[in-house]
C-alpha cells in the first residue's frame, strides 16, 4: 500500500510540528482514536476503532517519530494490529512555511497482512488516504481555532 498527498495549514510550521508530537492532540484528531499515550520520547501507543467496510474492529497502534528535523520534517514508523490483520509501515512528511501558514507534503507505504490483505489494494489506499485527510482537516481546524483564540 502506498499513499501520498499534501495539505495546507493556517498555522505556522512550529505549531503544526508541535501538534503532531502531542499525544492529546493526536487523540482528538485521529478518526476513531480512543487512546494515545507517550511511552518514550517520540514513541506512542494507542487504540483506534474502525467501523469501515472490511476493517471493523479495535486496533492497537504503535508509532515512533524517526529522523526528526523539527520543525521541517520527520518520519513516522508504526504498526497497527487488530482482528482483521495488521499493517506495518512508514510515512514521511515535510513542512514548509507558505503565505503565513504551512504546506505539508507526505508519502507513506505499508505492508498489510491477515484478512485485510485480501481487500483490493486500491480500496485500502483510498481508505488510508481518506483517514489521513480527515485527520489533517481536523488538525487544521483545531490549530486554526487555537490561533484565533
N, C-alpha and C. Protein backbone atom coordinates (compact mmCIF):
# COMPACT_ATOMS: atom_id res chain seq x y z
N UNK A 1 0.85 -1.17 0.00
CA UNK A 1 0.00 0.00 0.00
C UNK A 1 0.90 1.23 0.00
N UNK A 2 0.56 2.19 -0.85
CA UNK A 2 1.30 3.46 -0.90
C UNK A 2 0.31 4.61 -0.85
N UNK A 3 0.69 5.67 -0.14
CA UNK A 3 -0.13 6.88 -0.07
C UNK A 3 0.78 8.10 -0.20
N UNK A 4 0.23 9.15 -0.72
CA UNK A 4 0.94 10.42 -0.74
C UNK A 4 -0.08 11.53 -0.88
N UNK A 5 0.31 12.70 -0.46
CA UNK A 5 -0.61 13.82 -0.55
C UNK A 5 0.00 15.08 0.02
N UNK A 6 -0.87 16.06 0.13
CA UNK A 6 -0.45 17.37 0.66
C UNK A 6 -1.63 17.98 1.39
N UNK A 7 -1.28 18.94 2.24
CA UNK A 7 -2.32 19.65 3.00
C UNK A 7 -1.80 21.04 3.33
N UNK A 8 -2.69 22.01 3.34
CA UNK A 8 -2.37 23.39 3.73
C UNK A 8 -2.93 23.65 5.13
N UNK A 9 -2.08 24.13 6.01
CA UNK A 9 -2.50 24.51 7.36
C UNK A 9 -2.44 26.02 7.48
N UNK A 10 -3.36 26.59 8.26
CA UNK A 10 -3.34 28.03 8.51
C UNK A 10 -2.28 28.40 9.55
N UNK A 11 -1.86 27.44 10.36
CA UNK A 11 -0.90 27.69 11.44
C UNK A 11 0.54 27.61 10.95
N UNK A 12 1.47 28.25 11.67
CA UNK A 12 2.90 28.17 11.33
C UNK A 12 3.45 26.75 11.52
N UNK A 13 4.55 26.44 10.85
CA UNK A 13 5.14 25.11 10.88
C UNK A 13 5.49 24.64 12.29
N UNK A 14 6.00 25.56 13.14
CA UNK A 14 6.36 25.17 14.50
C UNK A 14 5.15 24.67 15.27
N UNK A 15 4.01 25.31 15.06
CA UNK A 15 2.77 24.92 15.74
C UNK A 15 2.27 23.58 15.21
N UNK A 16 2.32 23.39 13.90
CA UNK A 16 1.88 22.13 13.29
C UNK A 16 2.76 20.99 13.78
N UNK A 17 4.08 21.19 13.75
CA UNK A 17 5.00 20.14 14.17
C UNK A 17 4.78 19.77 15.63
N UNK A 18 4.63 20.77 16.49
CA UNK A 18 4.40 20.51 17.92
C UNK A 18 3.11 19.72 18.13
N UNK A 19 2.08 20.03 17.36
CA UNK A 19 0.80 19.32 17.49
C UNK A 19 0.94 17.86 17.08
N UNK A 20 1.72 17.60 16.03
CA UNK A 20 1.93 16.22 15.58
C UNK A 20 2.64 15.41 16.65
N UNK A 21 3.40 16.07 17.50
CA UNK A 21 4.15 15.39 18.57
C UNK A 21 3.40 15.37 19.90
N UNK A 22 2.17 15.82 19.95
CA UNK A 22 1.39 15.92 21.18
C UNK A 22 0.33 14.81 21.22
N UNK A 23 0.47 13.87 22.15
CA UNK A 23 -0.43 12.72 22.22
C UNK A 23 -1.90 13.15 22.37
N UNK A 24 -2.17 14.17 23.17
CA UNK A 24 -3.56 14.58 23.39
C UNK A 24 -4.17 15.19 22.13
N UNK A 25 -3.38 15.94 21.38
CA UNK A 25 -3.86 16.50 20.12
C UNK A 25 -4.14 15.37 19.14
N UNK A 26 -3.22 14.41 19.05
CA UNK A 26 -3.42 13.28 18.13
C UNK A 26 -4.70 12.52 18.46
N UNK A 27 -4.94 12.28 19.74
CA UNK A 27 -6.14 11.56 20.14
C UNK A 27 -7.39 12.29 19.70
N UNK A 28 -7.35 13.61 19.72
CA UNK A 28 -8.51 14.40 19.35
C UNK A 28 -8.76 14.45 17.84
N UNK A 29 -7.73 14.25 17.03
CA UNK A 29 -7.91 14.45 15.59
C UNK A 29 -7.84 13.17 14.75
N UNK A 30 -7.33 12.08 15.29
CA UNK A 30 -7.25 10.83 14.51
C UNK A 30 -8.64 10.18 14.51
N UNK A 31 -9.19 9.91 13.33
CA UNK A 31 -10.52 9.29 13.27
C UNK A 31 -10.56 7.96 14.02
N UNK A 32 -11.54 7.83 14.93
CA UNK A 32 -11.72 6.59 15.68
C UNK A 32 -10.75 6.37 16.82
N UNK A 33 -9.92 7.35 17.12
CA UNK A 33 -8.91 7.18 18.16
C UNK A 33 -9.56 7.20 19.54
N UNK A 34 -9.26 6.19 20.33
CA UNK A 34 -9.78 6.10 21.70
C UNK A 34 -8.74 6.49 22.73
N UNK A 35 -7.50 6.08 22.51
CA UNK A 35 -6.43 6.40 23.44
C UNK A 35 -5.12 6.61 22.69
N UNK A 36 -4.30 7.48 23.22
CA UNK A 36 -2.91 7.65 22.78
C UNK A 36 -2.12 8.00 24.03
N UNK A 37 -0.99 7.36 24.19
CA UNK A 37 -0.12 7.73 25.31
C UNK A 37 1.32 7.67 24.83
N UNK A 38 2.09 8.61 25.34
CA UNK A 38 3.51 8.64 25.02
C UNK A 38 4.21 7.63 25.91
N UNK A 39 4.96 6.71 25.29
CA UNK A 39 5.64 5.66 26.05
C UNK A 39 7.15 5.89 26.09
N UNK A 40 7.61 6.95 25.45
CA UNK A 40 9.02 7.31 25.42
C UNK A 40 9.15 8.53 24.54
N UNK A 41 10.32 9.11 24.48
CA UNK A 41 10.50 10.29 23.63
C UNK A 41 10.16 9.96 22.16
N UNK A 42 9.10 10.59 21.65
CA UNK A 42 8.69 10.38 20.27
C UNK A 42 8.09 9.02 19.98
N UNK A 43 7.69 8.27 21.02
CA UNK A 43 7.09 6.95 20.83
C UNK A 43 5.71 6.92 21.49
N UNK A 44 4.74 6.37 20.76
CA UNK A 44 3.35 6.40 21.21
C UNK A 44 2.69 5.04 21.04
N UNK A 45 1.74 4.75 21.92
CA UNK A 45 0.87 3.59 21.78
C UNK A 45 -0.55 4.10 21.87
N UNK A 46 -1.44 3.43 21.17
CA UNK A 46 -2.83 3.85 21.21
C UNK A 46 -3.77 2.77 20.76
N UNK A 47 -5.03 3.14 20.70
CA UNK A 47 -6.07 2.23 20.23
C UNK A 47 -7.07 3.03 19.41
N UNK A 48 -7.40 2.50 18.24
CA UNK A 48 -8.41 3.12 17.40
C UNK A 48 -9.49 2.09 17.09
N UNK A 49 -10.68 2.57 16.86
CA UNK A 49 -11.79 1.73 16.45
C UNK A 49 -12.21 2.17 15.06
N UNK A 50 -12.25 1.20 14.15
CA UNK A 50 -12.69 1.48 12.79
C UNK A 50 -14.02 0.77 12.55
N UNK A 51 -14.93 1.49 11.95
CA UNK A 51 -16.23 0.92 11.58
C UNK A 51 -16.42 1.13 10.09
N UNK A 52 -15.48 0.58 9.35
CA UNK A 52 -15.50 0.75 7.90
C UNK A 52 -15.61 -0.61 7.24
N UNK A 53 -16.22 -0.68 6.06
CA UNK A 53 -16.35 -1.97 5.38
C UNK A 53 -14.99 -2.66 5.24
N UNK A 54 -14.91 -3.89 5.71
CA UNK A 54 -13.68 -4.66 5.58
C UNK A 54 -12.66 -4.39 6.66
N UNK A 55 -12.92 -3.45 7.56
CA UNK A 55 -11.91 -3.11 8.57
C UNK A 55 -12.54 -2.81 9.93
N UNK A 56 -13.64 -3.49 10.25
CA UNK A 56 -14.34 -3.23 11.51
C UNK A 56 -13.55 -3.83 12.67
N UNK A 57 -13.43 -3.07 13.74
CA UNK A 57 -12.80 -3.60 14.94
C UNK A 57 -11.92 -2.59 15.63
N UNK A 58 -11.34 -3.05 16.76
CA UNK A 58 -10.40 -2.25 17.53
C UNK A 58 -9.00 -2.64 17.13
N UNK A 59 -8.16 -1.63 16.97
CA UNK A 59 -6.79 -1.85 16.53
C UNK A 59 -5.81 -1.20 17.49
N UNK A 60 -4.78 -1.95 17.88
CA UNK A 60 -3.72 -1.43 18.73
C UNK A 60 -2.67 -0.82 17.82
N UNK A 61 -2.20 0.36 18.18
CA UNK A 61 -1.23 1.06 17.35
C UNK A 61 0.04 1.37 18.13
N UNK A 62 1.15 1.34 17.43
CA UNK A 62 2.41 1.83 17.97
C UNK A 62 3.05 2.69 16.89
N UNK A 63 3.54 3.85 17.28
CA UNK A 63 4.13 4.79 16.33
C UNK A 63 5.34 5.43 17.01
N UNK A 64 6.39 5.65 16.22
CA UNK A 64 7.51 6.42 16.74
C UNK A 64 8.02 7.37 15.67
N UNK A 65 8.40 8.55 16.14
CA UNK A 65 9.00 9.56 15.26
C UNK A 65 10.44 9.18 15.00
N UNK A 66 10.86 9.29 13.74
CA UNK A 66 12.24 8.98 13.37
C UNK A 66 12.76 10.07 12.45
N UNK A 67 14.07 10.19 12.39
CA UNK A 67 14.72 11.16 11.52
C UNK A 67 14.09 12.55 11.64
N UNK A 68 13.93 12.98 12.88
CA UNK A 68 13.27 14.25 13.19
C UNK A 68 14.20 15.42 12.91
N UNK A 69 13.70 16.39 12.15
CA UNK A 69 14.38 17.66 11.93
C UNK A 69 13.34 18.76 12.15
N UNK A 70 12.98 18.93 13.42
CA UNK A 70 11.93 19.88 13.78
C UNK A 70 12.32 21.30 13.40
N UNK A 71 11.41 22.11 12.93
CA UNK A 71 10.01 21.83 12.62
C UNK A 71 9.78 21.54 11.13
N UNK A 72 10.79 21.04 10.45
CA UNK A 72 10.70 20.91 9.00
C UNK A 72 10.26 19.54 8.49
N UNK A 73 10.68 18.48 9.16
CA UNK A 73 10.38 17.15 8.63
C UNK A 73 10.58 16.08 9.69
N UNK A 74 9.96 14.94 9.43
CA UNK A 74 10.15 13.76 10.28
C UNK A 74 9.55 12.56 9.57
N UNK A 75 9.89 11.40 10.10
CA UNK A 75 9.28 10.16 9.64
C UNK A 75 8.48 9.56 10.78
N UNK A 76 7.51 8.76 10.43
CA UNK A 76 6.71 8.03 11.41
C UNK A 76 6.76 6.56 11.03
N UNK A 77 7.22 5.71 11.94
CA UNK A 77 7.19 4.28 11.71
C UNK A 77 6.18 3.69 12.67
N UNK A 78 5.36 2.76 12.17
CA UNK A 78 4.33 2.25 13.04
C UNK A 78 3.79 0.90 12.66
N UNK A 79 2.95 0.43 13.55
CA UNK A 79 2.27 -0.86 13.37
C UNK A 79 0.86 -0.71 13.90
N UNK A 80 -0.07 -1.30 13.17
CA UNK A 80 -1.47 -1.34 13.56
C UNK A 80 -1.87 -2.82 13.56
N UNK A 81 -2.42 -3.31 14.70
CA UNK A 81 -2.81 -4.72 14.79
C UNK A 81 -4.22 -4.81 15.33
N UNK A 82 -5.01 -5.70 14.72
CA UNK A 82 -6.37 -5.89 15.18
C UNK A 82 -6.96 -7.17 14.64
N UNK A 83 -8.27 -7.32 14.82
CA UNK A 83 -8.93 -8.58 14.45
C UNK A 83 -8.88 -8.90 12.95
N UNK A 84 -8.69 -7.91 12.12
CA UNK A 84 -8.68 -8.13 10.68
C UNK A 84 -7.27 -8.17 10.10
N UNK A 85 -6.25 -8.14 10.96
CA UNK A 85 -4.89 -8.21 10.46
C UNK A 85 -4.03 -7.09 10.98
N UNK A 86 -2.94 -6.83 10.26
CA UNK A 86 -2.01 -5.79 10.70
C UNK A 86 -1.45 -5.04 9.50
N UNK A 87 -0.95 -3.84 9.82
CA UNK A 87 -0.26 -3.02 8.83
C UNK A 87 1.02 -2.52 9.50
N UNK A 88 2.13 -2.71 8.82
CA UNK A 88 3.41 -2.19 9.28
C UNK A 88 3.87 -1.21 8.22
N UNK A 89 4.22 0.02 8.63
CA UNK A 89 4.59 0.98 7.61
C UNK A 89 5.38 2.16 8.11
N UNK A 90 5.62 3.03 7.17
CA UNK A 90 6.37 4.25 7.43
C UNK A 90 5.78 5.37 6.59
N UNK A 91 5.76 6.56 7.17
CA UNK A 91 5.36 7.76 6.45
C UNK A 91 6.38 8.85 6.75
N UNK A 92 6.60 9.71 5.77
CA UNK A 92 7.50 10.85 5.95
C UNK A 92 6.73 12.11 5.57
N UNK A 93 6.96 13.18 6.32
CA UNK A 93 6.31 14.44 5.98
C UNK A 93 7.32 15.58 6.01
N UNK A 94 7.03 16.57 5.18
CA UNK A 94 7.84 17.78 5.10
C UNK A 94 6.89 18.96 5.29
N UNK A 95 7.29 19.91 6.14
CA UNK A 95 6.52 21.13 6.38
C UNK A 95 7.30 22.32 5.84
N UNK A 96 6.59 23.20 5.11
CA UNK A 96 7.21 24.42 4.58
C UNK A 96 6.28 25.60 4.85
N UNK A 97 6.88 26.69 5.37
CA UNK A 97 6.11 27.91 5.57
C UNK A 97 5.63 28.42 4.21
N UNK A 98 4.36 28.83 4.15
CA UNK A 98 3.82 29.36 2.91
C UNK A 98 2.67 30.30 3.22
N UNK A 99 2.81 31.55 2.79
CA UNK A 99 1.73 32.55 2.91
C UNK A 99 1.16 32.63 4.33
N UNK A 100 2.03 32.65 5.32
CA UNK A 100 1.58 32.76 6.71
C UNK A 100 1.11 31.46 7.32
N UNK A 101 1.04 30.41 6.53
CA UNK A 101 0.63 29.10 7.02
C UNK A 101 1.70 28.07 6.74
N UNK A 102 1.29 26.83 6.62
CA UNK A 102 2.23 25.74 6.41
C UNK A 102 1.72 24.79 5.34
N UNK A 103 2.61 24.45 4.42
CA UNK A 103 2.31 23.46 3.39
C UNK A 103 2.95 22.14 3.82
N UNK A 104 2.16 21.07 3.86
CA UNK A 104 2.67 19.74 4.21
C UNK A 104 2.61 18.84 2.98
N UNK A 105 3.67 18.10 2.76
CA UNK A 105 3.68 17.02 1.77
C UNK A 105 4.05 15.75 2.52
N UNK A 106 3.37 14.64 2.18
CA UNK A 106 3.67 13.38 2.85
C UNK A 106 3.66 12.22 1.85
N UNK A 107 4.43 11.21 2.18
CA UNK A 107 4.46 9.95 1.44
C UNK A 107 4.50 8.84 2.47
N UNK A 108 3.95 7.71 2.10
CA UNK A 108 3.98 6.60 3.03
C UNK A 108 3.74 5.28 2.32
N UNK A 109 4.06 4.23 3.02
CA UNK A 109 3.83 2.90 2.50
C UNK A 109 3.69 1.92 3.63
N UNK A 110 2.99 0.83 3.36
CA UNK A 110 2.80 -0.17 4.38
C UNK A 110 2.60 -1.55 3.79
N UNK A 111 2.85 -2.54 4.62
CA UNK A 111 2.63 -3.93 4.26
C UNK A 111 1.46 -4.43 5.09
N UNK A 112 0.46 -4.94 4.41
CA UNK A 112 -0.77 -5.40 5.05
C UNK A 112 -0.74 -6.92 5.14
N UNK A 113 -1.14 -7.47 6.29
CA UNK A 113 -1.21 -8.92 6.44
C UNK A 113 -2.54 -9.30 7.09
N UNK A 114 -2.87 -10.56 7.03
CA UNK A 114 -4.12 -11.05 7.59
C UNK A 114 -5.27 -10.81 6.62
N UNK A 115 -6.49 -10.93 7.11
CA UNK A 115 -7.66 -10.74 6.26
C UNK A 115 -7.70 -9.39 5.54
N UNK A 116 -7.13 -8.35 6.15
CA UNK A 116 -7.08 -7.04 5.48
C UNK A 116 -6.35 -7.12 4.15
N UNK A 117 -5.37 -8.00 4.05
CA UNK A 117 -4.57 -8.12 2.84
C UNK A 117 -5.39 -8.62 1.66
N UNK A 118 -6.54 -9.23 1.93
CA UNK A 118 -7.39 -9.72 0.84
C UNK A 118 -8.22 -8.63 0.19
N UNK A 119 -8.27 -7.46 0.83
CA UNK A 119 -9.03 -6.35 0.25
C UNK A 119 -8.30 -5.81 -0.97
N UNK A 120 -9.05 -5.27 -1.88
CA UNK A 120 -8.48 -4.66 -3.08
C UNK A 120 -7.50 -3.56 -2.69
N UNK A 121 -6.32 -3.55 -3.29
CA UNK A 121 -5.28 -2.58 -2.91
C UNK A 121 -5.73 -1.15 -3.15
N UNK A 122 -6.49 -0.90 -4.21
CA UNK A 122 -6.98 0.46 -4.44
C UNK A 122 -7.95 0.89 -3.34
N UNK A 123 -8.77 -0.07 -2.86
CA UNK A 123 -9.69 0.23 -1.77
C UNK A 123 -8.92 0.61 -0.50
N UNK A 124 -7.89 -0.18 -0.16
CA UNK A 124 -7.15 0.12 1.07
C UNK A 124 -6.38 1.43 0.96
N UNK A 125 -5.86 1.73 -0.22
CA UNK A 125 -5.16 3.00 -0.40
C UNK A 125 -6.14 4.17 -0.27
N UNK A 126 -7.31 4.06 -0.88
CA UNK A 126 -8.32 5.12 -0.76
C UNK A 126 -8.80 5.27 0.68
N UNK A 127 -8.95 4.14 1.38
CA UNK A 127 -9.35 4.18 2.79
C UNK A 127 -8.30 4.90 3.62
N UNK A 128 -7.03 4.54 3.42
CA UNK A 128 -5.94 5.19 4.16
C UNK A 128 -5.89 6.68 3.84
N UNK A 129 -6.01 7.05 2.57
CA UNK A 129 -5.98 8.46 2.19
C UNK A 129 -7.15 9.22 2.80
N UNK A 130 -8.32 8.59 2.86
CA UNK A 130 -9.49 9.23 3.46
C UNK A 130 -9.27 9.48 4.95
N UNK A 131 -8.73 8.49 5.67
CA UNK A 131 -8.47 8.66 7.10
C UNK A 131 -7.41 9.73 7.34
N UNK A 132 -6.37 9.75 6.51
CA UNK A 132 -5.33 10.78 6.64
C UNK A 132 -5.93 12.16 6.40
N UNK A 133 -6.74 12.29 5.35
CA UNK A 133 -7.37 13.57 5.04
C UNK A 133 -8.27 14.04 6.18
N UNK A 134 -9.07 13.14 6.73
CA UNK A 134 -9.93 13.50 7.86
C UNK A 134 -9.11 13.99 9.04
N UNK A 135 -8.03 13.28 9.34
CA UNK A 135 -7.17 13.66 10.47
C UNK A 135 -6.50 15.00 10.25
N UNK A 136 -5.99 15.24 9.03
CA UNK A 136 -5.32 16.52 8.75
C UNK A 136 -6.30 17.68 8.77
N UNK A 137 -7.51 17.47 8.25
CA UNK A 137 -8.52 18.54 8.30
C UNK A 137 -8.92 18.84 9.74
N UNK A 138 -9.05 17.80 10.56
CA UNK A 138 -9.38 18.01 11.97
C UNK A 138 -8.24 18.73 12.69
N UNK A 139 -7.01 18.37 12.38
CA UNK A 139 -5.86 19.05 12.99
C UNK A 139 -5.82 20.51 12.58
N UNK A 140 -6.05 20.78 11.31
CA UNK A 140 -6.05 22.16 10.83
C UNK A 140 -7.15 22.98 11.52
N UNK A 141 -8.34 22.41 11.65
CA UNK A 141 -9.44 23.12 12.31
C UNK A 141 -9.09 23.41 13.77
N UNK A 142 -8.49 22.44 14.44
CA UNK A 142 -8.11 22.64 15.85
C UNK A 142 -7.06 23.74 15.98
N UNK A 143 -6.04 23.70 15.12
CA UNK A 143 -4.97 24.68 15.21
C UNK A 143 -5.47 26.06 14.81
N UNK A 144 -6.35 26.15 13.83
CA UNK A 144 -6.92 27.43 13.42
C UNK A 144 -7.71 28.04 14.58
N UNK A 145 -8.48 27.21 15.27
CA UNK A 145 -9.26 27.70 16.42
C UNK A 145 -8.33 28.17 17.54
N UNK A 146 -7.23 27.46 17.77
CA UNK A 146 -6.30 27.84 18.83
C UNK A 146 -5.59 29.16 18.49
N UNK A 147 -5.21 29.33 17.22
CA UNK A 147 -4.54 30.57 16.81
C UNK A 147 -5.48 31.75 16.92
N UNK A 148 -6.78 31.53 16.60
CA UNK A 148 -7.77 32.61 16.65
C UNK A 148 -8.11 32.99 18.08
N UNK A 149 -7.94 32.07 19.02
CA UNK A 149 -8.34 32.33 20.41
C UNK A 149 -7.39 33.26 21.13
